[in-house]
Amino acid sequence: MATTTLYKPVNLSAIPMNSPLESNPEDNHKIINNSYNSSDLELFNNVVINNLNNKEIAKSWAHNLRKHGFPTYCSDVIYLEYQDLVNIISESSKDINHLIEKMSLGTIIIAKNAISKSDVKKIKNNTTNFFRSTPSTFFKVQEGVKNFHRIIDNQNNKSYGVGTSRHSAYTFPWNFDETGCRNEIMKVWSNVKKFSGLNPDSYEKNTPVNGVVDRIQVALYPRKHGFLNCHVDPFHNQLTFVSIYLSKRGDGSYSEGGFYSFNKYGTEVDLEKNIDEGDLGLGVATVKHGVSKIDPNFTGEIDWNGPSGRWFLGLYSNDSDHVKNRITVKDLDKKEVSK
């Protein structure tokens, strides 16, 4: 499996670029004849780089992604305290360049304690109330769209870009804060945006007619049913996937399944085992990842509203439905369906 690295910021420069599993990491990250092609590189050059605002950080990302290509496999997993990550981002030191190069080679970061346990509890309680107080529905991301939640199962699974089974609540910045913790969530997201080369407040004031909007998703993957196919996320609005974990496997809510990726040999890397409530996960959006089925052998009734199951909070700056030929997630495992 992929290497895991635990460290303090002062030791960042001492971390080798190569994982012991990768004698030649370049073999793992060339995008030719893989998931990405020359048109994707053109998109990166013409759209992403032109829109990155934090110049020094943006230059580092541009240099490394042009040098290595977009990563597709998990080469390493680094754990650090969230506050240490914030310090690295704020100081814009050589440590951030080292971290960017690691991520360009496929490293996934797990930043511990990004939000408090009390905020995790509040988000889950408020979302459960939202689930129970209004019917499951769906709206396109068009001007004036309201917050909504939807149960995604075998009845409507094919309507989505990636195979999945979950109950998701979608909250937009211009609407009521269904989570009760928007300010705390946006503080984390602002730091991640800066780390990606964007302005910390990029897209925050946008509405659908502007083309790109911030959207907070709180998702419950129910026991026996919840999963998310292996996929890659769009990278043209933000370079990384941004996940905040609201559950811990083995805490009584669920005991099997969760966040995974693959190493260069195609071996599944179980990332869920070292994740706690309130942790933040970051990786370049093109790294293959998914959620393996949650407690597939569970014999009880499926609980679509919680509190049991796996909870997740996703932060993404999406193309709205006002964008022609909008770019969405790419499913890499069409064989998996909701069962």
Protein backbone atom coordinates (compact mmCIF):
# COMPACT_ATOMS: atom_id res chain seq x y z
CA MET A 1 0.00 0.00 0.00
CA ALA A 2 1.00 3.63 -0.18
CA THR A 3 3.41 5.03 2.34
CA THR A 4 2.11 7.08 5.25
CA THR A 5 4.16 9.93 6.60
CA LEU A 6 3.65 11.71 9.90
CA TYR A 7 5.60 14.86 10.46
CA LYS A 8 5.87 18.32 11.92
CA PRO A 9 6.31 21.32 9.61
CA VAL A 10 9.96 21.75 10.55
CA ASN A 11 10.70 18.35 9.01
CA LEU A 12 8.96 18.97 5.68
CA SER A 13 12.11 19.56 3.68
CA ALA A 14 13.50 16.27 4.93
CA ILE A 15 10.66 14.21 3.45
CA PRO A 16 11.90 12.48 0.27
CA MET A 17 9.97 13.05 -2.93
CA ASN A 18 9.87 9.34 -3.78
CA SER A 19 7.72 6.93 -1.88
CA PRO A 20 9.60 3.65 -1.23
CA LEU A 21 6.97 2.00 -3.46
CA GLU A 22 7.89 4.16 -6.41
CA SER A 23 11.35 3.66 -7.80
CA ASN A 24 10.36 5.99 -10.63
CA PRO A 25 7.43 8.18 -9.60
CA GLU A 26 7.23 9.68 -13.09
CA ASP A 27 5.86 6.35 -14.34
CA ASN A 28 2.86 6.82 -12.10
CA HIS A 29 1.91 10.33 -13.08
CA LYS A 30 2.24 10.71 -16.84
CA ILE A 31 -1.17 11.58 -18.20
CA ILE A 32 -0.60 10.41 -21.78
CA ASN A 33 -2.65 7.24 -22.42
CA ASN A 34 -4.16 7.55 -18.98
CA SER A 35 -7.25 9.41 -17.75
CA TYR A 36 -6.11 12.76 -19.15
CA ASN A 37 -4.97 13.95 -22.54
CA SER A 38 -3.59 16.98 -24.34
CA SER A 39 -6.95 18.76 -24.33
CA ASP A 40 -6.99 18.54 -20.54
CA LEU A 41 -3.53 20.09 -20.39
CA GLU A 42 -4.75 22.85 -22.68
CA LEU A 43 -7.68 23.43 -20.33
CA PHE A 44 -5.28 23.67 -17.41
CA ASN A 45 -3.00 26.10 -19.21
CA ASN A 46 -5.75 28.34 -20.56
CA VAL A 47 -8.28 28.28 -17.73
CA VAL A 48 -6.71 27.27 -14.44
CA ILE A 49 -3.41 29.13 -14.62
CA ASN A 50 -5.08 32.26 -15.92
CA ASN A 51 -7.51 32.22 -13.01
CA LEU A 52 -5.08 31.48 -10.21
CA ASN A 53 -4.58 34.67 -8.23
CA ASN A 54 -2.08 33.86 -5.51
CA LYS A 55 0.88 34.27 -7.82
CA GLU A 56 3.72 32.58 -5.94
CA ILE A 57 1.64 29.57 -4.95
CA ALA A 58 0.09 29.43 -8.42
CA LYS A 59 3.52 29.44 -10.02
CA SER A 60 4.56 26.51 -7.83
CA TRP A 61 1.49 24.49 -8.85
CA ALA A 62 1.97 25.38 -12.51
CA HIS A 63 5.66 24.44 -12.45
CA ASN A 64 5.05 21.08 -10.76
CA LEU A 65 1.99 20.03 -12.75
CA ARG A 66 3.72 20.89 -16.02
CA LYS A 67 6.79 19.01 -14.87
CA HIS A 68 5.06 15.88 -13.56
CA GLY A 69 1.66 15.91 -15.23
CA PHE A 70 -1.54 15.40 -13.26
CA PRO A 71 -1.30 12.58 -10.67
CA THR A 72 -3.72 9.70 -11.01
CA TYR A 73 -2.64 7.41 -8.15
CA CYS A 74 -2.02 7.86 -4.44
CA SER A 75 1.74 7.75 -3.89
CA ASP A 76 1.83 8.78 -0.23
CA VAL A 77 -0.40 9.83 2.66
CA ILE A 78 0.75 12.66 4.92
CA TYR A 79 -0.85 13.40 8.29
CA LEU A 80 -0.45 16.71 10.09
CA GLU A 81 -2.42 18.99 12.36
CA TYR A 82 -4.71 21.36 10.48
CA GLN A 83 -3.21 24.35 12.28
CA ASP A 84 0.25 23.33 11.08
CA LEU A 85 -1.09 23.26 7.51
CA VAL A 86 -2.56 26.74 8.01
CA ASN A 87 0.81 27.99 9.26
CA ILE A 88 2.56 26.58 6.20
CA ILE A 89 0.02 28.23 3.87
CA SER A 90 0.20 31.56 5.71
CA GLU A 91 3.97 31.72 5.74
CA SER A 92 4.30 30.77 2.04
CA SER A 93 7.70 29.31 2.87
CA LYS A 94 9.74 26.64 1.13
CA ASP A 95 7.59 24.12 3.02
CA ILE A 96 4.57 24.97 0.88
CA ASN A 97 6.54 24.42 -2.33
CA HIS A 98 7.67 21.05 -1.03
CA LEU A 99 4.10 20.12 -0.12
CA ILE A 100 2.83 21.21 -3.54
CA GLU A 101 5.40 19.05 -5.28
CA LYS A 102 4.45 16.09 -3.10
CA MET A 103 0.81 16.55 -4.01
CA SER A 104 1.70 16.91 -7.69
CA LEU A 105 3.22 13.44 -7.39
CA GLY A 106 0.06 11.96 -5.85
CA THR A 107 0.29 12.62 -2.11
CA ILE A 108 -3.00 12.89 -0.22
CA ILE A 109 -3.04 15.08 2.88
CA ILE A 110 -5.09 14.36 5.98
CA ALA A 111 -5.10 17.45 8.20
CA LYS A 112 -6.27 16.57 11.69
CA ASN A 113 -8.86 18.60 13.64
CA ALA A 114 -9.90 21.06 10.93
CA ILE A 115 -13.25 21.60 12.65
CA SER A 116 -14.27 20.86 16.22
CA LYS A 117 -16.20 17.81 17.40
CA SER A 118 -18.98 20.11 18.59
CA ASP A 119 -19.30 21.58 15.08
CA VAL A 120 -19.34 18.08 13.60
CA LYS A 121 -22.22 17.17 15.89
CA LYS A 122 -24.09 20.37 15.03
CA ILE A 123 -23.70 19.82 11.28
CA LYS A 124 -25.02 16.26 11.49
CA ASN A 125 -27.93 17.18 13.76
CA ASN A 126 -28.96 20.12 11.59
CA THR A 127 -28.68 18.06 8.40
CA THR A 128 -30.74 15.25 9.92
CA ASN A 129 -33.42 17.80 10.78
CA PHE A 130 -33.29 19.13 7.20
CA PHE A 131 -33.67 15.58 5.85
CA ARG A 132 -36.70 14.91 8.05
CA SER A 133 -38.47 18.26 7.72
CA THR A 134 -38.59 18.57 3.92
CA PRO A 135 -39.08 16.06 1.09
CA SER A 136 -36.25 14.70 -1.05
CA THR A 137 -36.09 16.74 -4.26
CA PHE A 138 -33.73 18.09 -6.93
CA PHE A 139 -33.01 21.46 -8.56
CA LYS A 140 -30.59 22.40 -11.29
CA VAL A 141 -27.96 24.94 -10.27
CA GLN A 142 -29.63 27.90 -11.94
CA GLU A 143 -30.13 31.47 -10.74
CA GLY A 144 -32.24 31.49 -7.59
CA VAL A 145 -31.74 27.79 -6.79
CA LYS A 146 -32.79 26.87 -3.26
CA ASN A 147 -31.07 24.55 -0.84
CA PHE A 148 -32.28 20.98 -1.28
CA HIS A 149 -31.58 17.41 -0.31
CA ARG A 150 -31.97 14.23 -2.30
CA ILE A 151 -31.84 10.51 -1.67
CA ILE A 152 -29.75 9.01 -4.46
CA ASP A 153 -30.43 5.30 -4.96
CA ASN A 154 -31.11 2.79 -7.70
CA GLN A 155 -34.16 4.81 -8.80
CA ASN A 156 -32.17 7.88 -9.87
CA ASN A 157 -28.53 6.79 -9.73
CA LYS A 158 -28.05 7.06 -13.49
CA SER A 159 -28.86 10.78 -13.41
CA TYR A 160 -25.48 11.48 -11.81
CA GLY A 161 -22.03 11.62 -13.36
CA VAL A 162 -20.73 8.98 -10.95
CA GLY A 163 -22.39 5.88 -9.54
CA THR A 164 -23.35 6.41 -5.91
CA SER A 165 -25.87 5.74 -3.19
CA ARG A 166 -26.24 8.39 -0.49
CA HIS A 167 -28.46 11.08 0.96
CA SER A 168 -27.01 14.52 0.16
CA ALA A 169 -27.93 18.01 1.31
CA TYR A 170 -26.78 20.90 -0.90
CA THR A 171 -26.41 24.39 0.56
CA PHE A 172 -25.57 27.54 -1.40
CA PRO A 173 -24.00 30.77 -0.05
CA TRP A 174 -27.01 32.99 -0.87
CA ASN A 175 -29.43 30.78 1.08
CA PHE A 176 -30.07 29.87 4.71
CA ASP A 177 -27.20 28.03 6.41
CA GLU A 178 -28.57 24.50 6.85
CA THR A 179 -25.36 23.33 8.54
CA GLY A 180 -25.34 25.97 11.29
CA CYS A 181 -21.56 26.19 10.87
CA ARG A 182 -21.04 28.04 7.59
CA ASN A 183 -18.55 30.53 9.04
CA GLU A 184 -16.37 27.76 10.46
CA ILE A 185 -16.57 25.78 7.21
CA MET A 186 -15.71 28.82 5.08
CA LYS A 187 -12.62 29.55 7.17
CA VAL A 188 -11.28 26.12 6.25
CA TRP A 189 -12.31 26.49 2.62
CA SER A 190 -10.64 29.92 2.35
CA ASN A 191 -7.33 28.44 3.49
CA VAL A 192 -7.65 25.60 0.97
CA LYS A 193 -8.41 28.08 -1.82
CA LYS A 194 -5.29 30.05 -0.94
CA PHE A 195 -3.29 26.81 -0.92
CA SER A 196 -4.64 26.12 -4.43
CA GLY A 197 -3.42 29.49 -5.71
CA LEU A 198 -6.83 31.15 -5.65
CA ASN A 199 -7.85 34.19 -3.65
CA PRO A 200 -9.21 33.05 -0.27
CA ASP A 201 -12.64 34.45 -1.18
CA SER A 202 -12.75 33.25 -4.79
CA TYR A 203 -16.31 32.50 -5.98
CA GLU A 204 -17.89 33.33 -2.60
CA LYS A 205 -20.06 36.14 -3.98
CA ASN A 206 -20.91 34.33 -7.21
CA THR A 207 -24.40 33.22 -8.14
CA PRO A 208 -25.22 30.73 -10.93
CA VAL A 209 -25.25 33.35 -13.71
CA ASN A 210 -21.55 33.97 -12.94
CA GLY A 211 -20.77 30.42 -14.09
CA VAL A 212 -18.98 29.04 -11.01
CA VAL A 213 -20.54 28.74 -7.56
CA ASP A 214 -19.46 27.44 -4.18
CA ARG A 215 -21.58 24.59 -2.88
CA ILE A 216 -21.47 22.80 0.46
CA GLN A 217 -22.60 19.19 0.37
CA VAL A 218 -23.31 17.16 3.51
CA ALA A 219 -23.74 13.50 2.62
CA LEU A 220 -24.83 10.44 4.55
CA TYR A 221 -23.73 7.06 3.20
CA PRO A 222 -26.17 4.64 4.86
CA ARG A 223 -25.15 1.23 6.14
CA LYS A 224 -25.68 -1.66 3.68
CA HIS A 225 -26.27 0.75 0.81
CA GLY A 226 -23.87 3.71 0.71
CA PHE A 227 -21.00 3.85 -1.78
CA LEU A 228 -19.32 6.13 -4.33
CA ASN A 229 -17.67 4.73 -7.46
CA CYS A 230 -14.01 5.34 -8.16
CA HIS A 231 -13.82 8.68 -9.92
CA VAL A 232 -11.83 11.85 -10.55
CA ASP A 233 -13.11 15.36 -9.95
CA PRO A 234 -12.99 18.43 -12.20
CA PHE A 235 -9.85 20.53 -11.70
CA HIS A 236 -10.65 23.61 -13.77
CA ASN A 237 -12.21 25.64 -10.92
CA GLN A 238 -10.17 24.28 -8.02
CA LEU A 239 -7.16 22.00 -8.18
CA THR A 240 -7.96 19.77 -5.20
CA PHE A 241 -10.81 17.77 -3.79
CA VAL A 242 -11.76 19.10 -0.36
CA SER A 243 -13.33 16.71 2.14
CA ILE A 244 -14.20 17.15 5.80
CA TYR A 245 -15.00 13.89 7.55
CA LEU A 246 -17.92 13.86 9.95
CA SER A 247 -17.65 10.24 11.11
CA LYS A 248 -15.04 7.81 12.39
CA ARG A 249 -15.15 4.19 11.33
CA GLY A 250 -15.56 1.90 14.31
CA ASP A 251 -17.23 4.48 16.55
CA GLY A 252 -20.56 2.63 16.43
CA SER A 253 -21.97 4.38 13.35
CA TYR A 254 -20.38 1.96 10.88
CA SER A 255 -17.55 -0.55 10.90
CA GLU A 256 -16.60 -1.27 7.28
CA GLY A 257 -15.97 0.69 4.07
CA GLY A 258 -15.09 4.31 3.38
CA PHE A 259 -12.58 6.53 1.57
CA TYR A 260 -10.07 4.75 -0.67
CA SER A 261 -7.64 5.37 -3.49
CA PHE A 262 -5.15 3.21 -5.41
CA ASN A 263 -1.38 3.01 -5.52
CA LYS A 264 0.57 2.68 -8.76
CA TYR A 265 0.17 -1.09 -8.75
CA GLY A 266 -3.61 -0.86 -8.65
CA THR A 267 -3.81 -1.96 -5.01
CA GLU A 268 -6.56 -0.30 -3.03
CA VAL A 269 -5.35 2.08 -0.32
CA ASP A 270 -7.67 2.26 2.69
CA LEU A 271 -7.56 5.90 3.78
CA GLU A 272 -10.53 5.71 6.13
CA LYS A 273 -8.75 3.79 8.88
CA ASN A 274 -6.76 6.78 10.17
CA ILE A 275 -9.49 9.40 9.74
CA ASP A 276 -11.26 11.00 12.70
CA GLU A 277 -14.27 13.28 12.95
CA GLY A 278 -13.32 16.82 11.94
CA ASP A 279 -10.33 15.87 9.76
CA LEU A 280 -9.72 17.50 6.38
CA GLY A 281 -8.70 15.53 3.27
CA LEU A 282 -6.93 17.12 0.29
CA GLY A 283 -5.61 15.68 -2.95
CA VAL A 284 -5.19 16.82 -6.54
CA ALA A 285 -8.60 16.32 -8.13
CA THR A 286 -7.28 13.83 -10.72
CA VAL A 287 -6.17 11.28 -8.11
CA LYS A 288 -8.53 8.29 -8.37
CA HIS A 289 -10.68 7.87 -5.26
CA GLY A 290 -14.06 6.67 -4.04
CA VAL A 291 -16.06 5.34 -1.09
CA SER A 292 -16.32 1.57 -0.72
CA LYS A 293 -19.68 0.21 0.41
CA ILE A 294 -20.54 1.01 4.02
CA ASP A 295 -21.24 -2.10 6.12
CA PRO A 296 -22.34 -4.25 3.15
CA ASN A 297 -23.30 -7.14 5.46
CA PHE A 298 -25.49 -5.04 7.74
CA THR A 299 -28.85 -6.78 8.24
CA GLY A 300 -30.91 -3.92 9.65
CA GLU A 301 -33.14 -1.44 7.89
CA ILE A 302 -31.54 1.21 5.67
CA ASP A 303 -31.51 4.53 7.53
CA TRP A 304 -31.46 7.39 5.00
CA ASN A 305 -31.65 10.13 7.62
CA GLY A 306 -29.08 9.11 10.22
CA PRO A 307 -27.63 9.33 12.73
CA SER A 308 -25.96 5.98 11.88
CA GLY A 309 -23.85 5.58 8.73
CA ARG A 310 -20.90 7.46 7.28
CA TRP A 311 -21.12 11.27 7.19
CA PHE A 312 -19.08 13.48 4.90
CA LEU A 313 -18.85 17.17 4.01
CA GLY A 314 -17.66 18.10 0.52
CA LEU A 315 -16.58 21.56 -0.62
CA TYR A 316 -16.54 22.23 -4.31
CA SER A 317 -16.70 25.18 -6.68
CA ASN A 318 -18.94 23.80 -9.42
CA ASP A 319 -19.92 24.91 -12.89
CA SER A 320 -23.53 26.05 -12.71
CA ASP A 321 -26.16 24.91 -15.20
CA HIS A 322 -25.77 28.25 -16.96
CA VAL A 323 -22.42 26.97 -18.29
CA LYS A 324 -22.64 25.35 -21.70
CA ASN A 325 -20.85 21.97 -21.77
CA ARG A 326 -20.26 22.19 -18.02
CA ILE A 327 -17.49 19.94 -16.73
CA THR A 328 -18.44 17.40 -14.08
CA VAL A 329 -17.06 14.34 -12.30
CA LYS A 330 -15.68 11.40 -14.33
CA ASP A 331 -16.80 7.92 -13.27
CA LEU A 332 -13.98 5.38 -13.66
CA ASP A 333 -16.01 2.33 -12.62
CA LYS A 334 -19.24 2.13 -14.59
CA LYS A 335 -19.75 -1.47 -13.47
CA GLU A 336 -20.78 -0.53 -9.92
CA VAL A 337 -24.45 0.23 -9.45
CA SER A 338 -26.65 0.82 -6.45
CA LYS A 339 -27.95 -2.45 -5.06
